[in-house]
């Protein structure tokens, strides 16, 4: 318990030498507060930090996959465009093929264009989403530091050599 302040919980242990008139050396433990809730807060914040870090890793993997998928989607779109143009030329210029086949080809082209647009949008949004996740991580890490400091402050020590004038805390008593 290397802390310096109490956070407003029941005194768990009060130094038995804490009596009026008693001399205490600098660094002597005066009292400890129950740290159960502080330990839980630290564990919870560790979990939040890990969750956000995992979301960032997932986002990075998804971004890399989207880049690879976009290259394939563009190739598929080019193929679908070529197929559509060929079928349209055959049907309109040479009366070869069917309207249904041309419409099916147009549907495939539209799906390829839609996938290309969706992937392009996801890739463009990546830096913004990453910045948002990084901000969430920074906040969670700051809250973890604060929770650790609160845990460290569960023990109160004499700041200098002193003589006890009065005692205001007993075991189980609320301290601030």
N, C-alpha and C. Protein backbone atom coordinates (compact mmCIF):
# COMPACT_ATOMS: atom_id res chain seq x y z
N UNK A 1 0.84 -1.19 0.00
CA UNK A 1 0.00 0.00 0.00
C UNK A 1 0.88 1.25 0.00
N UNK A 2 1.43 1.65 -1.13
CA UNK A 2 2.35 2.77 -1.14
C UNK A 2 1.68 4.14 -1.29
N UNK A 3 0.41 4.27 -0.96
CA UNK A 3 -0.30 5.52 -1.22
C UNK A 3 -0.18 6.53 -0.12
N UNK A 4 -0.92 7.62 -0.29
CA UNK A 4 -0.81 8.73 0.65
C UNK A 4 -2.16 9.21 1.17
N UNK A 5 -3.25 8.95 0.47
CA UNK A 5 -4.53 9.49 0.87
C UNK A 5 -5.57 8.39 0.93
N UNK A 6 -6.64 8.65 1.64
CA UNK A 6 -7.77 7.73 1.66
C UNK A 6 -8.83 8.28 0.73
N UNK A 7 -9.68 7.42 0.21
CA UNK A 7 -10.68 7.85 -0.74
C UNK A 7 -12.09 7.90 -0.20
N UNK A 8 -12.30 7.81 1.07
CA UNK A 8 -13.64 7.93 1.61
C UNK A 8 -14.32 6.60 1.86
N UNK A 9 -13.61 5.62 2.40
CA UNK A 9 -14.20 4.34 2.73
C UNK A 9 -13.88 3.97 4.17
N UNK A 10 -14.43 2.87 4.62
CA UNK A 10 -14.22 2.45 6.00
C UNK A 10 -12.77 2.12 6.28
N UNK A 11 -12.30 2.60 7.42
CA UNK A 11 -10.93 2.30 7.83
C UNK A 11 -10.86 0.81 8.14
N UNK A 12 -10.00 0.10 7.44
CA UNK A 12 -9.87 -1.34 7.60
C UNK A 12 -8.95 -1.67 8.77
N UNK A 13 -7.88 -0.92 8.86
CA UNK A 13 -6.89 -1.17 9.92
C UNK A 13 -6.33 0.17 10.37
N UNK A 14 -6.38 0.39 11.65
CA UNK A 14 -5.81 1.61 12.22
C UNK A 14 -4.59 1.19 13.04
N UNK A 15 -3.49 1.92 12.91
CA UNK A 15 -2.25 1.61 13.63
C UNK A 15 -2.55 1.60 15.13
N UNK A 16 -2.16 0.52 15.81
CA UNK A 16 -2.41 0.39 17.26
C UNK A 16 -1.62 1.43 18.07
N UNK A 17 -0.59 2.01 17.48
CA UNK A 17 0.20 3.03 18.18
C UNK A 17 -0.39 4.42 17.99
N UNK A 18 -1.51 4.50 17.31
CA UNK A 18 -2.13 5.80 17.03
C UNK A 18 -2.93 6.23 18.26
N UNK A 19 -2.22 6.78 19.23
CA UNK A 19 -2.81 7.25 20.49
C UNK A 19 -2.29 8.66 20.77
N UNK A 20 -3.11 9.53 21.37
CA UNK A 20 -2.63 10.88 21.68
C UNK A 20 -1.33 10.83 22.48
N UNK A 21 -0.38 11.66 22.06
CA UNK A 21 0.92 11.75 22.72
C UNK A 21 1.96 10.82 22.15
N UNK A 22 1.59 9.83 21.38
CA UNK A 22 2.52 8.85 20.81
C UNK A 22 3.35 9.52 19.70
N UNK A 23 4.66 9.20 19.65
CA UNK A 23 5.53 9.71 18.59
C UNK A 23 5.55 8.69 17.46
N UNK A 24 5.43 9.21 16.22
CA UNK A 24 5.46 8.35 15.04
C UNK A 24 6.50 8.89 14.06
N UNK A 25 7.27 7.98 13.49
CA UNK A 25 8.30 8.36 12.52
C UNK A 25 7.66 8.59 11.15
N UNK A 26 8.33 9.40 10.36
CA UNK A 26 7.89 9.63 8.99
C UNK A 26 7.76 8.28 8.29
N UNK A 27 6.67 8.10 7.55
CA UNK A 27 6.46 6.86 6.80
C UNK A 27 5.73 5.78 7.59
N UNK A 28 5.41 6.03 8.85
CA UNK A 28 4.66 5.05 9.64
C UNK A 28 3.24 4.94 9.12
N UNK A 29 2.77 3.71 8.93
CA UNK A 29 1.40 3.50 8.48
C UNK A 29 0.44 4.01 9.55
N UNK A 30 -0.44 4.91 9.15
CA UNK A 30 -1.45 5.42 10.08
C UNK A 30 -2.70 4.55 10.02
N UNK A 31 -3.21 4.34 8.80
CA UNK A 31 -4.35 3.45 8.64
C UNK A 31 -4.48 3.02 7.18
N UNK A 32 -5.26 1.96 6.96
CA UNK A 32 -5.56 1.46 5.62
C UNK A 32 -7.07 1.47 5.45
N UNK A 33 -7.51 1.73 4.24
CA UNK A 33 -8.93 1.61 3.94
C UNK A 33 -9.15 0.35 3.12
N UNK A 34 -10.37 -0.16 3.17
CA UNK A 34 -10.71 -1.37 2.42
C UNK A 34 -10.51 -1.12 0.93
N UNK A 35 -9.68 -1.93 0.30
CA UNK A 35 -9.34 -1.68 -1.09
C UNK A 35 -10.06 -2.59 -2.08
N UNK A 36 -11.03 -3.35 -1.62
CA UNK A 36 -11.73 -4.29 -2.50
C UNK A 36 -12.34 -3.60 -3.70
N UNK A 37 -13.08 -2.53 -3.47
CA UNK A 37 -13.73 -1.84 -4.59
C UNK A 37 -12.70 -1.19 -5.51
N UNK A 38 -11.57 -0.74 -4.96
CA UNK A 38 -10.53 -0.15 -5.79
C UNK A 38 -9.86 -1.21 -6.67
N UNK A 39 -9.64 -2.40 -6.10
CA UNK A 39 -9.07 -3.49 -6.88
C UNK A 39 -10.02 -3.89 -8.01
N UNK A 40 -11.32 -3.93 -7.71
CA UNK A 40 -12.31 -4.27 -8.74
C UNK A 40 -12.31 -3.23 -9.86
N UNK A 41 -12.18 -1.96 -9.49
CA UNK A 41 -12.16 -0.90 -10.50
C UNK A 41 -10.94 -1.04 -11.41
N UNK A 42 -9.79 -1.39 -10.84
CA UNK A 42 -8.58 -1.58 -11.64
C UNK A 42 -8.77 -2.76 -12.60
N UNK A 43 -9.30 -3.86 -12.10
CA UNK A 43 -9.52 -5.04 -12.95
C UNK A 43 -10.51 -4.72 -14.07
N UNK A 44 -11.56 -3.99 -13.75
CA UNK A 44 -12.56 -3.62 -14.76
C UNK A 44 -11.94 -2.73 -15.83
N UNK A 45 -11.09 -1.79 -15.44
CA UNK A 45 -10.48 -0.90 -16.41
C UNK A 45 -9.45 -1.65 -17.27
N UNK A 46 -8.76 -2.63 -16.68
CA UNK A 46 -7.86 -3.47 -17.49
C UNK A 46 -8.67 -4.17 -18.58
N UNK A 47 -9.83 -4.68 -18.22
CA UNK A 47 -10.69 -5.38 -19.18
C UNK A 47 -11.16 -4.43 -20.28
N UNK A 48 -11.54 -3.22 -19.92
CA UNK A 48 -11.98 -2.23 -20.92
C UNK A 48 -10.84 -1.91 -21.88
N UNK A 49 -9.64 -1.71 -21.35
CA UNK A 49 -8.48 -1.41 -22.21
C UNK A 49 -8.24 -2.56 -23.17
N UNK A 50 -8.27 -3.80 -22.68
CA UNK A 50 -8.06 -4.96 -23.55
C UNK A 50 -9.14 -5.05 -24.64
N UNK A 51 -10.39 -4.78 -24.27
CA UNK A 51 -11.48 -4.84 -25.25
C UNK A 51 -11.25 -3.82 -26.37
N UNK A 52 -10.87 -2.61 -26.01
CA UNK A 52 -10.66 -1.58 -27.02
C UNK A 52 -9.45 -1.92 -27.88
N UNK A 53 -8.38 -2.45 -27.26
CA UNK A 53 -7.21 -2.86 -28.04
C UNK A 53 -7.60 -3.95 -29.04
N UNK A 54 -8.44 -4.89 -28.62
CA UNK A 54 -8.89 -5.94 -29.53
C UNK A 54 -9.74 -5.38 -30.66
N UNK A 55 -10.59 -4.38 -30.37
CA UNK A 55 -11.38 -3.75 -31.41
C UNK A 55 -10.48 -3.05 -32.44
N UNK A 56 -9.40 -2.45 -31.97
CA UNK A 56 -8.46 -1.80 -32.89
C UNK A 56 -7.77 -2.86 -33.76
N UNK A 57 -7.38 -3.98 -33.17
CA UNK A 57 -6.77 -5.06 -33.96
C UNK A 57 -7.75 -5.59 -35.01
N UNK A 58 -9.00 -5.79 -34.61
CA UNK A 58 -10.02 -6.26 -35.56
C UNK A 58 -10.21 -5.25 -36.68
N UNK A 59 -10.23 -3.98 -36.33
CA UNK A 59 -10.39 -2.92 -37.32
C UNK A 59 -9.23 -2.94 -38.32
N UNK A 60 -8.00 -3.11 -37.83
CA UNK A 60 -6.82 -3.18 -38.71
C UNK A 60 -6.92 -4.37 -39.66
N UNK A 61 -7.32 -5.52 -39.14
CA UNK A 61 -7.44 -6.72 -39.97
C UNK A 61 -8.51 -6.51 -41.03
N UNK A 62 -9.65 -5.97 -40.61
CA UNK A 62 -10.75 -5.71 -41.55
C UNK A 62 -10.31 -4.72 -42.64
N UNK A 63 -9.54 -3.71 -42.25
CA UNK A 63 -9.06 -2.72 -43.22
C UNK A 63 -8.14 -3.37 -44.26
N UNK A 64 -7.21 -4.19 -43.80
CA UNK A 64 -6.31 -4.88 -44.73
C UNK A 64 -7.08 -5.80 -45.66
N UNK A 65 -8.07 -6.51 -45.11
CA UNK A 65 -8.90 -7.39 -45.94
C UNK A 65 -9.70 -6.57 -46.96
N UNK A 66 -10.20 -5.42 -46.54
CA UNK A 66 -10.97 -4.58 -47.46
C UNK A 66 -10.13 -4.08 -48.62
N UNK A 67 -8.87 -3.77 -48.34
CA UNK A 67 -7.97 -3.32 -49.41
C UNK A 67 -7.77 -4.45 -50.43
N UNK A 68 -7.55 -5.67 -49.93
CA UNK A 68 -7.40 -6.82 -50.83
C UNK A 68 -8.69 -7.09 -51.59
N UNK A 69 -9.82 -7.03 -50.88
CA UNK A 69 -11.11 -7.28 -51.52
C UNK A 69 -11.44 -6.23 -52.57
N UNK A 70 -11.02 -4.98 -52.34
CA UNK A 70 -11.31 -3.92 -53.30
C UNK A 70 -10.60 -4.19 -54.63
N UNK A 71 -9.37 -4.66 -54.56
CA UNK A 71 -8.65 -4.97 -55.81
C UNK A 71 -9.41 -6.05 -56.60
N UNK A 72 -9.89 -7.06 -55.91
CA UNK A 72 -10.65 -8.14 -56.57
C UNK A 72 -11.99 -7.61 -57.06
N UNK A 73 -12.65 -6.78 -56.25
CA UNK A 73 -13.94 -6.22 -56.65
C UNK A 73 -13.82 -5.36 -57.90
N UNK A 74 -12.74 -4.61 -58.01
CA UNK A 74 -12.53 -3.78 -59.21
C UNK A 74 -12.32 -4.66 -60.45
N UNK A 75 -11.58 -5.75 -60.27
CA UNK A 75 -11.39 -6.69 -61.39
C UNK A 75 -12.73 -7.29 -61.80
N UNK A 76 -13.51 -7.70 -60.81
CA UNK A 76 -14.83 -8.27 -61.09
C UNK A 76 -15.74 -7.26 -61.76
N UNK A 77 -15.65 -6.01 -61.33
CA UNK A 77 -16.46 -4.96 -61.94
C UNK A 77 -16.06 -4.77 -63.40
N UNK A 78 -14.76 -4.77 -63.67
CA UNK A 78 -14.29 -4.63 -65.05
C UNK A 78 -14.79 -5.80 -65.91
N UNK A 79 -14.71 -7.01 -65.36
CA UNK A 79 -15.20 -8.19 -66.09
C UNK A 79 -16.70 -8.10 -66.33
N UNK A 80 -17.44 -7.68 -65.30
CA UNK A 80 -18.88 -7.56 -65.44
C UNK A 80 -19.24 -6.48 -66.46
N UNK A 81 -18.49 -5.39 -66.47
CA UNK A 81 -18.72 -4.32 -67.45
C UNK A 81 -18.47 -4.83 -68.87
N UNK A 82 -17.36 -5.55 -69.03
CA UNK A 82 -17.02 -6.11 -70.34
C UNK A 82 -18.12 -7.08 -70.81
N UNK A 83 -18.56 -7.94 -69.93
CA UNK A 83 -19.61 -8.91 -70.25
C UNK A 83 -20.91 -8.20 -70.61
N UNK A 84 -21.27 -7.21 -69.84
CA UNK A 84 -22.50 -6.45 -70.10
C UNK A 84 -22.42 -5.76 -71.47
N UNK A 85 -21.29 -5.07 -71.71
CA UNK A 85 -21.11 -4.38 -72.99
C UNK A 85 -21.18 -5.36 -74.17
N UNK A 86 -20.55 -6.51 -74.01
CA UNK A 86 -20.55 -7.53 -75.08
C UNK A 86 -21.96 -8.03 -75.36
N UNK A 87 -22.69 -8.35 -74.28
CA UNK A 87 -24.05 -8.86 -74.46
C UNK A 87 -24.98 -7.79 -75.04
N UNK A 88 -24.79 -6.56 -74.60
CA UNK A 88 -25.63 -5.46 -75.10
C UNK A 88 -25.36 -5.25 -76.59
N UNK A 89 -24.08 -5.28 -76.98
CA UNK A 89 -23.72 -5.12 -78.39
C UNK A 89 -24.29 -6.25 -79.23
N UNK A 90 -24.20 -7.48 -78.73
CA UNK A 90 -24.74 -8.62 -79.48
C UNK A 90 -26.26 -8.51 -79.64
N UNK A 91 -26.91 -8.09 -78.55
CA UNK A 91 -28.38 -8.05 -78.60
C UNK A 91 -28.87 -6.89 -79.46
N UNK A 92 -28.30 -5.70 -79.27
CA UNK A 92 -28.79 -4.53 -80.00
C UNK A 92 -28.25 -4.46 -81.42
N UNK A 93 -27.03 -4.86 -81.64
CA UNK A 93 -26.42 -4.72 -82.96
C UNK A 93 -26.63 -5.92 -83.87
N UNK A 94 -26.72 -7.10 -83.27
CA UNK A 94 -26.75 -8.31 -84.09
C UNK A 94 -27.95 -9.20 -83.79
N UNK A 95 -28.81 -8.77 -82.89
CA UNK A 95 -30.01 -9.53 -82.52
C UNK A 95 -29.66 -10.94 -82.01
N UNK A 96 -28.51 -11.06 -81.32
CA UNK A 96 -28.08 -12.33 -80.77
C UNK A 96 -28.22 -12.25 -79.25
N UNK A 97 -28.78 -13.29 -78.63
CA UNK A 97 -28.94 -13.34 -77.19
C UNK A 97 -30.36 -12.97 -76.77
N UNK A 98 -30.56 -12.90 -75.46
CA UNK A 98 -31.89 -12.60 -74.93
C UNK A 98 -31.83 -11.39 -74.02
N UNK A 99 -32.96 -10.76 -73.88
CA UNK A 99 -33.10 -9.61 -72.99
C UNK A 99 -32.86 -10.05 -71.54
N UNK A 100 -33.32 -11.24 -71.18
CA UNK A 100 -33.16 -11.76 -69.82
C UNK A 100 -31.67 -11.93 -69.47
N UNK A 101 -30.90 -12.41 -70.44
CA UNK A 101 -29.47 -12.60 -70.20
C UNK A 101 -28.77 -11.25 -70.04
N UNK A 102 -29.17 -10.27 -70.82
CA UNK A 102 -28.60 -8.93 -70.71
C UNK A 102 -28.95 -8.33 -69.35
N UNK A 103 -30.18 -8.51 -68.90
CA UNK A 103 -30.59 -7.98 -67.59
C UNK A 103 -29.85 -8.68 -66.45
N UNK A 104 -29.63 -9.96 -66.60
CA UNK A 104 -28.85 -10.70 -65.60
C UNK A 104 -27.42 -10.18 -65.54
N UNK A 105 -26.87 -9.88 -66.68
CA UNK A 105 -25.51 -9.33 -66.75
C UNK A 105 -25.48 -7.93 -66.14
N UNK A 106 -26.52 -7.14 -66.39
CA UNK A 106 -26.60 -5.79 -65.81
C UNK A 106 -26.71 -5.87 -64.29
N UNK A 107 -27.49 -6.84 -63.81
CA UNK A 107 -27.62 -7.05 -62.36
C UNK A 107 -26.26 -7.39 -61.75
N UNK A 108 -25.50 -8.25 -62.40
CA UNK A 108 -24.16 -8.63 -61.91
C UNK A 108 -23.23 -7.41 -61.92
N UNK A 109 -23.34 -6.58 -62.93
CA UNK A 109 -22.52 -5.36 -63.01
C UNK A 109 -22.89 -4.42 -61.86
N UNK A 110 -24.16 -4.24 -61.61
CA UNK A 110 -24.59 -3.35 -60.52
C UNK A 110 -24.13 -3.86 -59.16
N UNK A 111 -24.19 -5.16 -58.96
CA UNK A 111 -23.69 -5.74 -57.70
C UNK A 111 -22.19 -5.50 -57.55
N UNK A 112 -21.46 -5.66 -58.63
CA UNK A 112 -20.00 -5.43 -58.60
C UNK A 112 -19.70 -3.97 -58.30
N UNK A 113 -20.45 -3.04 -58.91
CA UNK A 113 -20.26 -1.61 -58.64
C UNK A 113 -20.59 -1.29 -57.18
N UNK A 114 -21.65 -1.90 -56.68
CA UNK A 114 -22.06 -1.65 -55.29
C UNK A 114 -20.99 -2.14 -54.31
N UNK A 115 -20.45 -3.32 -54.56
CA UNK A 115 -19.40 -3.85 -53.68
C UNK A 115 -18.17 -2.96 -53.74
N UNK A 116 -17.79 -2.52 -54.91
CA UNK A 116 -16.64 -1.63 -55.05
C UNK A 116 -16.87 -0.33 -54.27
N UNK A 117 -18.05 0.23 -54.41
CA UNK A 117 -18.37 1.48 -53.69
C UNK A 117 -18.38 1.26 -52.17
N UNK A 118 -18.94 0.16 -51.72
CA UNK A 118 -18.99 -0.14 -50.29
C UNK A 118 -17.60 -0.30 -49.71
N UNK A 119 -16.75 -1.04 -50.40
CA UNK A 119 -15.38 -1.25 -49.93
C UNK A 119 -14.58 0.05 -49.96
N UNK A 120 -14.77 0.85 -51.00
CA UNK A 120 -14.09 2.15 -51.08
C UNK A 120 -14.48 3.03 -49.91
N UNK A 121 -15.77 3.05 -49.60
CA UNK A 121 -16.26 3.86 -48.47
C UNK A 121 -15.67 3.36 -47.15
N UNK A 122 -15.63 2.05 -46.96
CA UNK A 122 -15.07 1.49 -45.72
C UNK A 122 -13.59 1.85 -45.58
N UNK A 123 -12.85 1.80 -46.67
CA UNK A 123 -11.43 2.13 -46.64
C UNK A 123 -11.22 3.61 -46.32
N UNK A 124 -12.05 4.47 -46.90
CA UNK A 124 -11.94 5.90 -46.62
C UNK A 124 -12.32 6.22 -45.17
N UNK A 125 -13.24 5.46 -44.60
CA UNK A 125 -13.69 5.72 -43.23
C UNK A 125 -12.69 5.20 -42.19
N UNK A 126 -11.80 4.31 -42.57
CA UNK A 126 -10.88 3.67 -41.64
C UNK A 126 -10.10 4.66 -40.77
N UNK A 127 -9.45 5.68 -41.32
CA UNK A 127 -8.67 6.58 -40.44
C UNK A 127 -9.54 7.26 -39.38
N UNK A 128 -10.76 7.59 -39.73
CA UNK A 128 -11.65 8.26 -38.79
C UNK A 128 -12.10 7.30 -37.68
N UNK A 129 -12.42 6.08 -38.06
CA UNK A 129 -12.83 5.09 -37.07
C UNK A 129 -11.65 4.73 -36.17
N UNK A 130 -10.48 4.60 -36.78
CA UNK A 130 -9.28 4.30 -35.99
C UNK A 130 -9.00 5.42 -34.98
N UNK A 131 -9.13 6.67 -35.41
CA UNK A 131 -8.90 7.80 -34.49
C UNK A 131 -9.91 7.77 -33.35
N UNK A 132 -11.14 7.43 -33.65
CA UNK A 132 -12.16 7.33 -32.60
C UNK A 132 -11.81 6.22 -31.61
N UNK A 133 -11.44 5.07 -32.12
CA UNK A 133 -11.05 3.95 -31.24
C UNK A 133 -9.82 4.31 -30.42
N UNK A 134 -8.86 5.01 -31.02
CA UNK A 134 -7.65 5.40 -30.30
C UNK A 134 -8.01 6.37 -29.18
N UNK A 135 -8.95 7.28 -29.44
CA UNK A 135 -9.42 8.18 -28.40
C UNK A 135 -10.08 7.42 -27.25
N UNK A 136 -10.87 6.41 -27.60
CA UNK A 136 -11.49 5.57 -26.57
C UNK A 136 -10.42 4.86 -25.75
N UNK A 137 -9.38 4.37 -26.43
CA UNK A 137 -8.29 3.68 -25.74
C UNK A 137 -7.55 4.65 -24.82
N UNK A 138 -7.26 5.84 -25.30
CA UNK A 138 -6.58 6.84 -24.47
C UNK A 138 -7.38 7.15 -23.22
N UNK A 139 -8.69 7.31 -23.39
CA UNK A 139 -9.55 7.60 -22.23
C UNK A 139 -9.55 6.44 -21.25
N UNK A 140 -9.67 5.22 -21.76
CA UNK A 140 -9.67 4.04 -20.89
C UNK A 140 -8.35 3.89 -20.15
N UNK A 141 -7.24 4.16 -20.84
CA UNK A 141 -5.93 4.06 -20.19
C UNK A 141 -5.80 5.13 -19.10
N UNK A 142 -6.33 6.31 -19.34
CA UNK A 142 -6.30 7.37 -18.31
C UNK A 142 -7.15 6.96 -17.11
N UNK A 143 -8.30 6.36 -17.39
CA UNK A 143 -9.15 5.90 -16.28
C UNK A 143 -8.49 4.76 -15.52
N UNK A 144 -7.71 3.92 -16.22
CA UNK A 144 -6.97 2.85 -15.55
C UNK A 144 -5.91 3.44 -14.64
N UNK A 145 -5.18 4.44 -15.11
CA UNK A 145 -4.16 5.10 -14.28
C UNK A 145 -4.82 5.68 -13.03
N UNK A 146 -5.96 6.33 -13.21
CA UNK A 146 -6.68 6.91 -12.07
C UNK A 146 -7.13 5.84 -11.08
N UNK A 147 -7.62 4.72 -11.61
CA UNK A 147 -8.06 3.63 -10.74
C UNK A 147 -6.87 3.04 -9.97
N UNK A 148 -5.71 2.93 -10.62
CA UNK A 148 -4.51 2.43 -9.94
C UNK A 148 -4.06 3.41 -8.85
N UNK A 149 -4.16 4.70 -9.14
CA UNK A 149 -3.80 5.69 -8.13
C UNK A 149 -4.74 5.61 -6.93
N UNK A 150 -6.03 5.44 -7.20
CA UNK A 150 -6.98 5.29 -6.11
C UNK A 150 -6.63 4.07 -5.25
N UNK A 151 -6.25 2.97 -5.91
CA UNK A 151 -5.86 1.77 -5.18
C UNK A 151 -4.61 2.03 -4.34
N UNK A 152 -3.65 2.74 -4.92
CA UNK A 152 -2.42 3.05 -4.19
C UNK A 152 -2.67 3.94 -2.97
N UNK A 153 -3.75 4.69 -3.01
CA UNK A 153 -4.05 5.62 -1.92
C UNK A 153 -4.86 4.98 -0.79
N UNK A 154 -4.89 3.66 -0.74
CA UNK A 154 -5.63 2.97 0.32
C UNK A 154 -4.87 2.95 1.65
N UNK A 155 -3.62 3.32 1.63
CA UNK A 155 -2.82 3.37 2.85
C UNK A 155 -2.39 4.82 3.09
N UNK A 156 -2.51 5.24 4.31
CA UNK A 156 -2.13 6.61 4.66
C UNK A 156 -0.96 6.53 5.64
N UNK A 157 0.11 7.23 5.30
CA UNK A 157 1.34 7.20 6.09
C UNK A 157 1.60 8.59 6.68
N UNK A 158 2.34 8.59 7.75
CA UNK A 158 2.75 9.86 8.36
C UNK A 158 3.69 10.57 7.39
N UNK A 159 3.38 11.83 7.03
CA UNK A 159 4.20 12.53 6.05
C UNK A 159 5.55 13.01 6.62
N UNK A 160 5.68 13.01 7.95
CA UNK A 160 6.91 13.47 8.60
C UNK A 160 6.89 12.94 10.03
N UNK A 161 8.03 13.04 10.73
CA UNK A 161 8.06 12.66 12.15
C UNK A 161 7.06 13.54 12.88
N UNK A 162 6.26 12.92 13.73
CA UNK A 162 5.18 13.69 14.36
C UNK A 162 4.80 13.10 15.71
N UNK A 163 4.03 13.87 16.43
CA UNK A 163 3.43 13.41 17.67
C UNK A 163 1.92 13.44 17.44
N UNK A 164 1.23 12.40 17.83
CA UNK A 164 -0.22 12.31 17.64
C UNK A 164 -0.89 13.24 18.63
N UNK A 165 -1.73 14.13 18.07
CA UNK A 165 -2.48 15.06 18.92
C UNK A 165 -3.86 14.49 19.23
N UNK A 166 -4.58 14.05 18.19
CA UNK A 166 -5.89 13.46 18.36
C UNK A 166 -6.06 12.33 17.37
N UNK A 167 -6.95 11.39 17.67
CA UNK A 167 -7.26 10.29 16.77
C UNK A 167 -8.75 10.38 16.43
N UNK A 168 -9.04 10.44 15.14
CA UNK A 168 -10.42 10.57 14.69
C UNK A 168 -10.95 9.33 13.98
N UNK A 169 -10.13 8.32 13.80
CA UNK A 169 -10.57 7.14 13.06
C UNK A 169 -10.39 5.88 13.88
N UNK A 170 -11.36 5.00 13.76
CA UNK A 170 -11.29 3.67 14.37
C UNK A 170 -11.60 2.66 13.29
N UNK A 171 -11.22 1.40 13.53
CA UNK A 171 -11.50 0.38 12.53
C UNK A 171 -12.98 0.35 12.22
N UNK A 172 -13.29 0.32 10.92
CA UNK A 172 -14.67 0.29 10.46
C UNK A 172 -15.32 1.65 10.30
N UNK A 173 -14.63 2.70 10.75
CA UNK A 173 -15.18 4.05 10.68
C UNK A 173 -14.96 4.63 9.29
N UNK A 174 -15.89 5.48 8.84
CA UNK A 174 -15.79 6.16 7.56
C UNK A 174 -14.72 7.23 7.63
N UNK A 175 -13.79 7.23 6.66
CA UNK A 175 -12.74 8.24 6.64
C UNK A 175 -12.72 8.91 5.28
N UNK A 176 -12.32 10.18 5.24
CA UNK A 176 -12.22 10.90 3.98
C UNK A 176 -10.86 11.57 3.90
